[in-house]
Amino acid sequence: MSVAAAFFYLFSGVAVASAFMVVASRNPVHSVLFLILAFVNAAGLFLLLGAEFLAMILIVVYVGAVAVLFLFVVMMLDVDFSELREGFLDYLPFGGLLGIVFLIELVLVLGTYYTAPDALHQTAQAAKAAHDGISNTAALGRVLYTEHVFYFQAAGMVLLVAMIGAIVLTLQHKPGVKRQDIGAQVARNKQSAMDIKSVKPGQGL
């Protein structure tokens, strides 16, 4: 067994075990930690495939931002997880349906790999010929920002609209809280900002 094959079995085995523990762990903090471990091992698999940019993005974005954010939210919020598990059986049929769909997709992918290996080989050769002589990062940038730039920008607009919608739906103004009004501050003049009183000597206001 070669060193690359040994690392592949190591990374893939730990990734599968970590993914199972994400679902099986009763403690949500442990689930997030196992999720981080699964991301790290998936990054190792990307390195073995020569996709160093995807491995770096997986570590920086998912482990460094998303998973850590999940961990902070789970640790800081006082969530009653026993109450959340009460409606588990209500969502079981829908979850089973999604599981069947994912299983069918995996069977189709594996079936294509075993029944038509030439098609996958030709696709890989065409992609390699199109980006021969440049690095993986440069090839990915060429695909995203030149060949499919409109789809990339459309995906960014969808995410922007989703972010604005989430902010609008969750933003709540509490009554009685003083807030800054930029328009009222800019529109102030001498008459509205000052109140001149004529005070005679020896008298108060």
Protein backbone atom coordinates (compact mmCIF):
# COMPACT_ATOMS: atom_id res chain seq x y z
CA MET A 1 0.00 0.00 0.00
CA SER A 2 1.35 3.40 -0.98
CA VAL A 3 1.58 6.38 1.33
CA ALA A 4 -1.15 8.25 -0.60
CA ALA A 5 -3.53 5.28 -0.27
CA ALA A 6 -2.79 5.02 3.46
CA PHE A 7 -3.56 8.72 3.97
CA PHE A 8 -6.72 8.38 1.87
CA TYR A 9 -8.06 5.57 4.04
CA LEU A 10 -7.07 7.46 7.18
CA PHE A 11 -8.75 10.72 6.18
CA SER A 12 -11.85 9.07 4.73
CA GLY A 13 -12.32 6.74 7.71
CA VAL A 14 -12.03 9.55 10.25
CA ALA A 15 -14.33 11.77 8.14
CA VAL A 16 -17.05 9.10 7.96
CA ALA A 17 -16.77 8.33 11.68
CA SER A 18 -16.89 12.06 12.53
CA ALA A 19 -19.95 12.59 10.33
CA PHE A 20 -21.71 9.72 12.10
CA MET A 21 -20.84 11.18 15.51
CA VAL A 22 -22.21 14.58 14.45
CA VAL A 23 -25.64 12.96 14.17
CA ALA A 24 -25.29 10.46 17.00
CA SER A 25 -23.91 12.78 19.71
CA ARG A 26 -26.44 13.90 22.30
CA ASN A 27 -24.42 16.93 23.31
CA PRO A 28 -24.65 19.66 20.62
CA VAL A 29 -21.22 21.01 21.55
CA HIS A 30 -19.70 17.60 20.86
CA SER A 31 -21.58 17.49 17.54
CA VAL A 32 -20.01 20.77 16.44
CA LEU A 33 -16.55 19.57 17.47
CA PHE A 34 -17.01 16.37 15.46
CA LEU A 35 -18.19 18.52 12.55
CA ILE A 36 -14.93 20.49 12.70
CA LEU A 37 -13.00 17.20 12.70
CA ALA A 38 -14.96 16.03 9.63
CA PHE A 39 -14.14 19.30 7.82
CA VAL A 40 -10.43 18.95 8.59
CA ASN A 41 -10.30 15.41 7.23
CA ALA A 42 -12.26 16.47 4.13
CA ALA A 43 -9.62 19.16 3.59
CA GLY A 44 -6.99 16.42 3.77
CA LEU A 45 -8.82 14.52 1.03
CA PHE A 46 -8.86 17.65 -1.13
CA LEU A 47 -5.10 17.95 -0.67
CA LEU A 48 -4.65 14.39 -1.85
CA LEU A 49 -6.67 15.24 -4.97
CA GLY A 50 -4.47 18.26 -5.69
CA ALA A 51 -7.21 20.81 -4.92
CA GLU A 52 -5.22 22.87 -2.44
CA PHE A 53 -7.41 25.94 -2.85
CA LEU A 54 -10.58 24.05 -1.89
CA ALA A 55 -8.77 22.56 1.11
CA MET A 56 -7.72 26.03 2.27
CA ILE A 57 -11.23 27.42 1.78
CA LEU A 58 -12.70 24.50 3.73
CA ILE A 59 -10.42 25.20 6.68
CA VAL A 60 -10.62 29.00 6.62
CA VAL A 61 -14.33 29.45 5.85
CA TYR A 62 -16.08 26.41 7.27
CA VAL A 63 -13.85 25.53 10.22
CA GLY A 64 -12.66 29.04 11.01
CA ALA A 65 -15.99 30.80 10.61
CA VAL A 66 -19.10 28.68 10.19
CA ALA A 67 -18.36 25.81 12.57
CA VAL A 68 -16.87 28.10 15.24
CA LEU A 69 -19.93 30.36 14.92
CA PHE A 70 -22.19 27.35 15.43
CA LEU A 71 -20.16 26.42 18.50
CA PHE A 72 -20.45 29.90 20.00
CA VAL A 73 -24.19 30.05 19.33
CA VAL A 74 -24.79 26.64 20.89
CA MET A 75 -22.68 27.49 23.95
CA MET A 76 -24.09 31.00 24.48
CA LEU A 77 -27.79 30.38 23.87
CA ASP A 78 -29.79 28.62 26.56
CA VAL A 79 -31.58 26.19 24.24
CA ASP A 80 -33.77 23.44 25.68
CA PHE A 81 -32.79 20.56 23.41
CA SER A 82 -35.12 18.11 25.14
CA GLU A 83 -38.04 20.28 24.03
CA LEU A 84 -36.72 20.36 20.48
CA ARG A 85 -36.53 16.56 20.35
CA GLU A 86 -40.21 16.20 21.24
CA GLY A 87 -41.34 16.79 17.64
CA PHE A 88 -38.77 14.43 16.13
CA LEU A 89 -41.32 11.83 15.03
CA ASP A 90 -43.38 14.48 13.24
CA TYR A 91 -40.50 15.19 10.84
CA LEU A 92 -39.43 11.56 10.47
CA PRO A 93 -41.43 10.86 7.23
CA PHE A 94 -40.04 13.94 5.51
CA GLY A 95 -36.52 13.13 6.68
CA GLY A 96 -36.90 9.55 5.45
CA LEU A 97 -38.01 10.84 2.05
CA LEU A 98 -34.95 13.07 1.80
CA GLY A 99 -32.75 10.15 2.83
CA ILE A 100 -34.21 8.00 0.04
CA VAL A 101 -33.58 10.77 -2.50
CA PHE A 102 -29.96 11.11 -1.38
CA LEU A 103 -29.54 7.33 -1.55
CA ILE A 104 -30.86 7.25 -5.11
CA GLU A 105 -28.44 10.02 -6.10
CA LEU A 106 -25.50 8.13 -4.59
CA VAL A 107 -26.54 4.95 -6.43
CA LEU A 108 -26.73 6.87 -9.72
CA VAL A 109 -23.28 8.39 -9.19
CA LEU A 110 -21.70 5.06 -8.30
CA GLY A 111 -23.54 3.34 -11.14
CA THR A 112 -22.20 5.88 -13.62
CA TYR A 113 -18.70 5.40 -12.24
CA TYR A 114 -18.83 1.63 -12.73
CA THR A 115 -20.95 1.37 -15.88
CA ALA A 116 -19.47 4.25 -17.90
CA PRO A 117 -15.91 4.91 -16.69
CA ASP A 118 -14.90 6.13 -20.15
CA ALA A 119 -17.30 9.08 -19.96
CA LEU A 120 -15.85 10.23 -16.65
CA HIS A 121 -12.33 9.74 -17.98
CA GLN A 122 -13.07 11.80 -21.09
CA THR A 123 -14.58 14.58 -18.98
CA ALA A 124 -11.54 14.64 -16.72
CA GLN A 125 -9.19 14.69 -19.70
CA ALA A 126 -11.12 17.56 -21.30
CA ALA A 127 -11.00 19.58 -18.09
CA LYS A 128 -7.27 18.88 -17.73
CA ALA A 129 -6.60 19.92 -21.32
CA ALA A 130 -8.57 23.15 -20.89
CA HIS A 131 -6.54 24.16 -17.84
CA ASP A 132 -3.19 22.55 -18.64
CA GLY A 133 -0.15 24.46 -17.53
CA ILE A 134 -1.81 26.53 -14.76
CA SER A 135 -2.34 25.88 -11.07
CA ASN A 136 -5.51 24.64 -9.49
CA THR A 137 -6.26 28.04 -7.96
CA ALA A 138 -5.80 29.84 -11.29
CA ALA A 139 -8.02 27.28 -13.05
CA LEU A 140 -10.75 27.74 -10.46
CA GLY A 141 -10.53 31.51 -10.77
CA ARG A 142 -10.77 31.26 -14.56
CA VAL A 143 -13.90 29.12 -14.28
CA LEU A 144 -15.60 31.34 -11.70
CA TYR A 145 -14.68 34.81 -12.95
CA THR A 146 -14.56 34.34 -16.72
CA GLU A 147 -16.51 31.32 -17.97
CA HIS A 148 -19.32 31.36 -15.38
CA VAL A 149 -19.11 34.90 -14.03
CA PHE A 150 -22.84 35.60 -14.50
CA TYR A 151 -23.86 32.53 -12.52
CA PHE A 152 -21.35 33.47 -9.84
CA GLN A 153 -22.74 37.00 -9.56
CA ALA A 154 -26.32 35.66 -9.56
CA ALA A 155 -25.46 33.36 -6.65
CA GLY A 156 -23.95 36.35 -4.82
CA MET A 157 -27.13 38.38 -5.36
CA VAL A 158 -29.27 35.53 -4.03
CA LEU A 159 -27.12 35.35 -0.89
CA LEU A 160 -27.29 39.14 -0.49
CA VAL A 161 -31.10 39.13 -0.72
CA ALA A 162 -31.26 36.26 1.78
CA MET A 163 -29.02 38.16 4.21
CA ILE A 164 -31.08 41.35 3.93
CA GLY A 165 -34.29 39.36 4.40
CA ALA A 166 -32.94 37.68 7.52
CA ILE A 167 -31.94 41.06 8.97
CA VAL A 168 -35.35 42.61 8.20
CA LEU A 169 -37.25 39.66 9.69
CA THR A 170 -35.22 39.51 12.90
CA LEU A 171 -34.65 43.24 13.52
CA GLN A 172 -36.93 44.49 16.27
CA HIS A 173 -37.01 48.07 17.53
CA LYS A 174 -37.64 48.35 21.25
CA PRO A 175 -39.89 51.22 22.31
CA GLY A 176 -38.39 53.92 24.48
CA VAL A 177 -34.85 53.55 23.11
CA LYS A 178 -33.23 56.72 21.81
CA ARG A 179 -31.85 56.25 18.29
CA GLN A 180 -29.81 58.44 16.03
CA ASP A 181 -31.67 60.16 13.18
CA ILE A 182 -29.12 61.26 10.60
CA GLY A 183 -31.65 63.22 8.54
CA ALA A 184 -32.84 65.24 11.55
CA GLN A 185 -29.24 66.03 12.53
CA VAL A 186 -28.28 67.21 9.06
CA ALA A 187 -31.42 69.34 8.74
CA ARG A 188 -30.78 71.27 11.99
CA ASN A 189 -30.26 75.00 11.78
CA LYS A 190 -29.74 77.84 14.22
CA GLN A 191 -33.44 78.33 14.89
CA SER A 192 -34.11 74.68 15.68
CA ALA A 193 -30.86 73.99 17.54
CA MET A 194 -30.73 77.07 19.82
CA ASP A 195 -33.27 78.70 22.07
CA ILE A 196 -32.18 82.24 22.97
CA LYS A 197 -33.50 83.62 26.26
CA SER A 198 -33.28 87.21 27.37
CA VAL A 199 -32.31 87.07 31.02
CA LYS A 200 -32.27 90.26 33.00
CA PRO A 201 -29.56 90.84 35.59
CA GLY A 202 -30.42 89.28 38.94
CA GLN A 203 -33.16 87.03 37.58
CA GLY A 204 -33.16 83.35 36.77
CA LEU A 205 -34.82 81.60 33.88
